[in-house]
C-alpha atoms as a PDB file:
ATOM      1  CA  UNK A   1      10.223 -45.724  30.553  1.00  0.00           C
ATOM      2  CA  UNK A   2       7.224 -43.424  30.896  1.00  0.00           C
ATOM      3  CA  UNK A   3       9.488 -40.372  31.325  1.00  0.00           C
ATOM      4  CA  UNK A   4      11.415 -41.240  28.175  1.00  0.00           C
ATOM      5  CA  UNK A   5       8.142 -41.623  26.244  1.00  0.00           C
ATOM      6  CA  UNK A   6       6.954 -38.184  27.437  1.00  0.00           C
ATOM      7  CA  UNK A   7      10.242 -36.626  26.319  1.00  0.00           C
ATOM      8  CA  UNK A   8       9.890 -38.204  22.876  1.00  0.00           C
ATOM      9  CA  UNK A   9       6.286 -36.947  22.576  1.00  0.00           C
ATOM     10  CA  UNK A  10       7.277 -33.460  23.748  1.00  0.00           C
ATOM     11  CA  UNK A  11      10.204 -33.323  21.325  1.00  0.00           C
ATOM     12  CA  UNK A  12       7.945 -34.432  18.475  1.00  0.00           C
ATOM     13  CA  UNK A  13       5.460 -31.688  19.336  1.00  0.00           C
ATOM     14  CA  UNK A  14       8.199 -29.045  19.438  1.00  0.00           C
ATOM     15  CA  UNK A  15       9.608 -30.145  16.084  1.00  0.00           C
ATOM     16  CA  UNK A  16       6.137 -30.304  14.555  1.00  0.00           C
ATOM     17  CA  UNK A  17       5.264 -26.842  15.866  1.00  0.00           C
ATOM     18  CA  UNK A  18       8.549 -25.462  14.499  1.00  0.00           C
ATOM     19  CA  UNK A  19       7.785 -26.898  11.069  1.00  0.00           C
ATOM     20  CA  UNK A  20       4.286 -25.389  11.175  1.00  0.00           C
ATOM     21  CA  UNK A  21       5.619 -21.951  12.099  1.00  0.00           C
ATOM     22  CA  UNK A  22       8.233 -22.155   9.336  1.00  0.00           C
ATOM     23  CA  UNK A  23       5.607 -23.097   6.775  1.00  0.00           C
ATOM     24  CA  UNK A  24       3.342 -20.220   7.820  1.00  0.00           C
ATOM     25  CA  UNK A  25       6.125 -17.650   7.746  1.00  0.00           C
ATOM     26  CA  UNK A  26       6.915 -14.988  10.291  1.00  0.00           C
ATOM     27  CA  UNK A  27       7.638 -11.307  10.541  1.00  0.00           C
ATOM     28  CA  UNK A  28      11.236 -12.034  11.480  1.00  0.00           C
ATOM     29  CA  UNK A  29      12.501 -13.028   8.035  1.00  0.00           C
ATOM     30  CA  UNK A  30      12.973 -10.986   4.870  1.00  0.00           C
ATOM     31  CA  UNK A  31       9.867  -9.943   3.003  1.00  0.00           C
ATOM     32  CA  UNK A  32       8.942 -11.946  -0.038  1.00  0.00           C
ATOM     33  CA  UNK A  33       8.243  -8.710  -1.921  1.00  0.00           C
ATOM     34  CA  UNK A  34       5.135  -6.617  -2.285  1.00  0.00           C
ATOM     35  CA  UNK A  35       1.887  -8.406  -2.891  1.00  0.00           C
ATOM     36  CA  UNK A  36       0.251  -7.640  -6.213  1.00  0.00           C
ATOM     37  CA  UNK A  37      -2.564  -5.121  -6.029  1.00  0.00           C
ATOM     38  CA  UNK A  38      -6.065  -6.552  -5.694  1.00  0.00           C
ATOM     39  CA  UNK A  39      -7.807  -7.097  -9.048  1.00  0.00           C
ATOM     40  CA  UNK A  40     -10.203  -4.231  -8.415  1.00  0.00           C
ATOM     41  CA  UNK A  41      -7.227  -1.842  -8.416  1.00  0.00           C
ATOM     42  CA  UNK A  42      -5.893  -2.952 -11.771  1.00  0.00           C
ATOM     43  CA  UNK A  43      -6.394  -0.742 -14.810  1.00  0.00           C
ATOM     44  CA  UNK A  44      -5.093   2.660 -13.698  1.00  0.00           C
ATOM     45  CA  UNK A  45      -3.693   5.018 -16.324  1.00  0.00           C
ATOM     46  CA  UNK A  46      -0.662   6.837 -14.899  1.00  0.00           C
ATOM     47  CA  UNK A  47      -0.525   9.327 -17.806  1.00  0.00           C
ATOM     48  CA  UNK A  48      -4.147  10.363 -17.252  1.00  0.00           C
ATOM     49  CA  UNK A  49      -3.421  10.387 -13.507  1.00  0.00           C
ATOM     50  CA  UNK A  50      -0.638  12.946 -13.935  1.00  0.00           C
ATOM     51  CA  UNK A  51      -3.002  15.219 -15.874  1.00  0.00           C
ATOM     52  CA  UNK A  52      -5.595  14.969 -13.092  1.00  0.00           C
ATOM     53  CA  UNK A  53      -2.934  15.522 -10.386  1.00  0.00           C
ATOM     54  CA  UNK A  54      -1.779  18.698 -12.142  1.00  0.00           C
ATOM     55  CA  UNK A  55      -5.240  19.954 -13.210  1.00  0.00           C
ATOM     56  CA  UNK A  56      -6.739  19.473  -9.747  1.00  0.00           C
ATOM     57  CA  UNK A  57      -3.759  21.249  -8.128  1.00  0.00           C
ATOM     58  CA  UNK A  58      -2.907  18.308  -5.898  1.00  0.00           C
ATOM     59  CA  UNK A  59       0.629  19.737  -5.795  1.00  0.00           C
ATOM     60  CA  UNK A  60      -0.570  22.779  -3.881  1.00  0.00           C
ATOM     61  CA  UNK A  61      -0.628  20.433  -0.862  1.00  0.00           C
ATOM     62  CA  UNK A  62       1.651  17.553  -1.858  1.00  0.00           C
ATOM     63  CA  UNK A  63       5.314  17.361  -2.836  1.00  0.00           C
ATOM     64  CA  UNK A  64       5.858  15.165  -5.877  1.00  0.00           C
ATOM     65  CA  UNK A  65       9.091  15.657  -7.828  1.00  0.00           C
ATOM     66  CA  UNK A  66       7.753  14.229 -11.102  1.00  0.00           C
ATOM     67  CA  UNK A  67       4.958  16.823 -11.133  1.00  0.00           C
ATOM     68  CA  UNK A  68       7.345  19.596 -10.060  1.00  0.00           C
ATOM     69  CA  UNK A  69       5.339  20.322  -6.916  1.00  0.00           C
ATOM     70  CA  UNK A  70       6.442  21.158  -3.410  1.00  0.00           C
ATOM     71  CA  UNK A  71       3.284  21.609  -1.367  1.00  0.00           C
ATOM     72  CA  UNK A  72       3.872  21.574   2.360  1.00  0.00           C
ATOM     73  CA  UNK A  73       0.424  20.844   3.767  1.00  0.00           C
ATOM     74  CA  UNK A  74      -0.067  17.187   2.791  1.00  0.00           C
ATOM     75  CA  UNK A  75       2.269  14.242   2.656  1.00  0.00           C
ATOM     76  CA  UNK A  76       5.501  14.405   0.725  1.00  0.00           C
ATOM     77  CA  UNK A  77       4.520  11.653  -1.722  1.00  0.00           C
ATOM     78  CA  UNK A  78       8.118  11.105  -2.811  1.00  0.00           C
ATOM     79  CA  UNK A  79       9.039  10.162   0.757  1.00  0.00           C
ATOM     80  CA  UNK A  80       5.874   8.355   1.813  1.00  0.00           C
ATOM     81  CA  UNK A  81       5.720   6.146  -1.316  1.00  0.00           C
ATOM     82  CA  UNK A  82       2.171   4.902  -0.714  1.00  0.00           C
ATOM     83  CA  UNK A  83       1.002   1.579  -2.053  1.00  0.00           C
ATOM     84  CA  UNK A  84      -1.609   1.640  -4.794  1.00  0.00           C
ATOM     85  CA  UNK A  85      -4.266   0.385  -2.383  1.00  0.00           C
ATOM     86  CA  UNK A  86      -3.378   3.036   0.234  1.00  0.00           C
ATOM     87  CA  UNK A  87      -3.374   5.835  -2.352  1.00  0.00           C
ATOM     88  CA  UNK A  88      -6.775   4.783  -3.717  1.00  0.00           C
ATOM     89  CA  UNK A  89      -8.190   4.594  -0.209  1.00  0.00           C
ATOM     90  CA  UNK A  90      -6.908   8.003   0.907  1.00  0.00           C
ATOM     91  CA  UNK A  91      -7.908   9.776  -2.318  1.00  0.00           C
ATOM     92  CA  UNK A  92     -11.358   8.197  -2.090  1.00  0.00           C
ATOM     93  CA  UNK A  93     -12.139   8.660   1.611  1.00  0.00           C
ATOM     94  CA  UNK A  94      -9.718  11.369   2.727  1.00  0.00           C
ATOM     95  CA  UNK A  95      -7.396  11.299   5.717  1.00  0.00           C
ATOM     96  CA  UNK A  96      -6.570  13.939   8.282  1.00  0.00           C
ATOM     97  CA  UNK A  97      -6.764  17.315   6.556  1.00  0.00           C
ATOM     98  CA  UNK A  98      -7.104  15.741   3.101  1.00  0.00           C
ATOM     99  CA  UNK A  99     -10.677  15.796   1.848  1.00  0.00           C
ATOM    100  CA  UNK A 100     -12.386  12.809   0.264  1.00  0.00           C
ATOM    101  CA  UNK A 101     -12.505  13.046  -3.522  1.00  0.00           C
ATOM    102  CA  UNK A 102     -14.514   9.890  -4.157  1.00  0.00           C
ATOM    103  CA  UNK A 103     -17.198   9.943  -1.507  1.00  0.00           C
ATOM    104  CA  UNK A 104     -18.655  13.204  -2.780  1.00  0.00           C
ATOM    105  CA  UNK A 105     -18.245  12.368  -6.472  1.00  0.00           C
ATOM    106  CA  UNK A 106     -15.508  14.932  -7.162  1.00  0.00           C
ATOM    107  CA  UNK A 107     -13.508  12.227  -8.923  1.00  0.00           C
ATOM    108  CA  UNK A 108     -14.785   9.016 -10.478  1.00  0.00           C
ATOM    109  CA  UNK A 109     -13.364   5.691  -9.320  1.00  0.00           C
ATOM    110  CA  UNK A 110     -11.378   5.488 -12.577  1.00  0.00           C
ATOM    111  CA  UNK A 111      -9.905   8.971 -12.046  1.00  0.00           C
ATOM    112  CA  UNK A 112      -8.940   8.027  -8.497  1.00  0.00           C
ATOM    113  CA  UNK A 113      -7.294   4.849  -9.755  1.00  0.00           C
ATOM    114  CA  UNK A 114      -5.482   6.871 -12.433  1.00  0.00           C
ATOM    115  CA  UNK A 115      -4.107   9.386  -9.911  1.00  0.00           C
ATOM    116  CA  UNK A 116      -3.084   6.619  -7.514  1.00  0.00           C
ATOM    117  CA  UNK A 117      -1.374   4.726 -10.351  1.00  0.00           C
ATOM    118  CA  UNK A 118       0.523   7.871 -11.328  1.00  0.00           C
ATOM    119  CA  UNK A 119       1.699   8.522  -7.767  1.00  0.00           C
ATOM    120  CA  UNK A 120       2.824   4.928  -7.254  1.00  0.00           C
ATOM    121  CA  UNK A 121       4.529   4.769 -10.665  1.00  0.00           C
ATOM    122  CA  UNK A 122       6.724   7.812  -9.972  1.00  0.00           C
ATOM    123  CA  UNK A 123       7.540   7.150  -6.319  1.00  0.00           C
ATOM    124  CA  UNK A 124       8.814   3.561  -6.546  1.00  0.00           C
END
């Protein structure tokens, strides 16, 4: 009798754990789609961002078909398709050989958001 009771308890725990894992999600199933950008990233102007991208010669390092650039030093933005958050972060703080454009005040936060919005809008 005791053995049967332990089996029932164990089975209940396994079923309960399975339901918990299902409710929490897992990396094994299909993605539910991209999460919306955080509120602090909202408000970028892709048109202004293209002007900044071109005026600041970002294309001398980066390939971006929409801007007609084929720089070979930095990332190919058409292929890398960065998220808005990633683009804002890299433009602001730099990465690898790319300098930071926000930390030294070269670009304002709005200009950075505009450039990031432009890149994301033409690479998705």
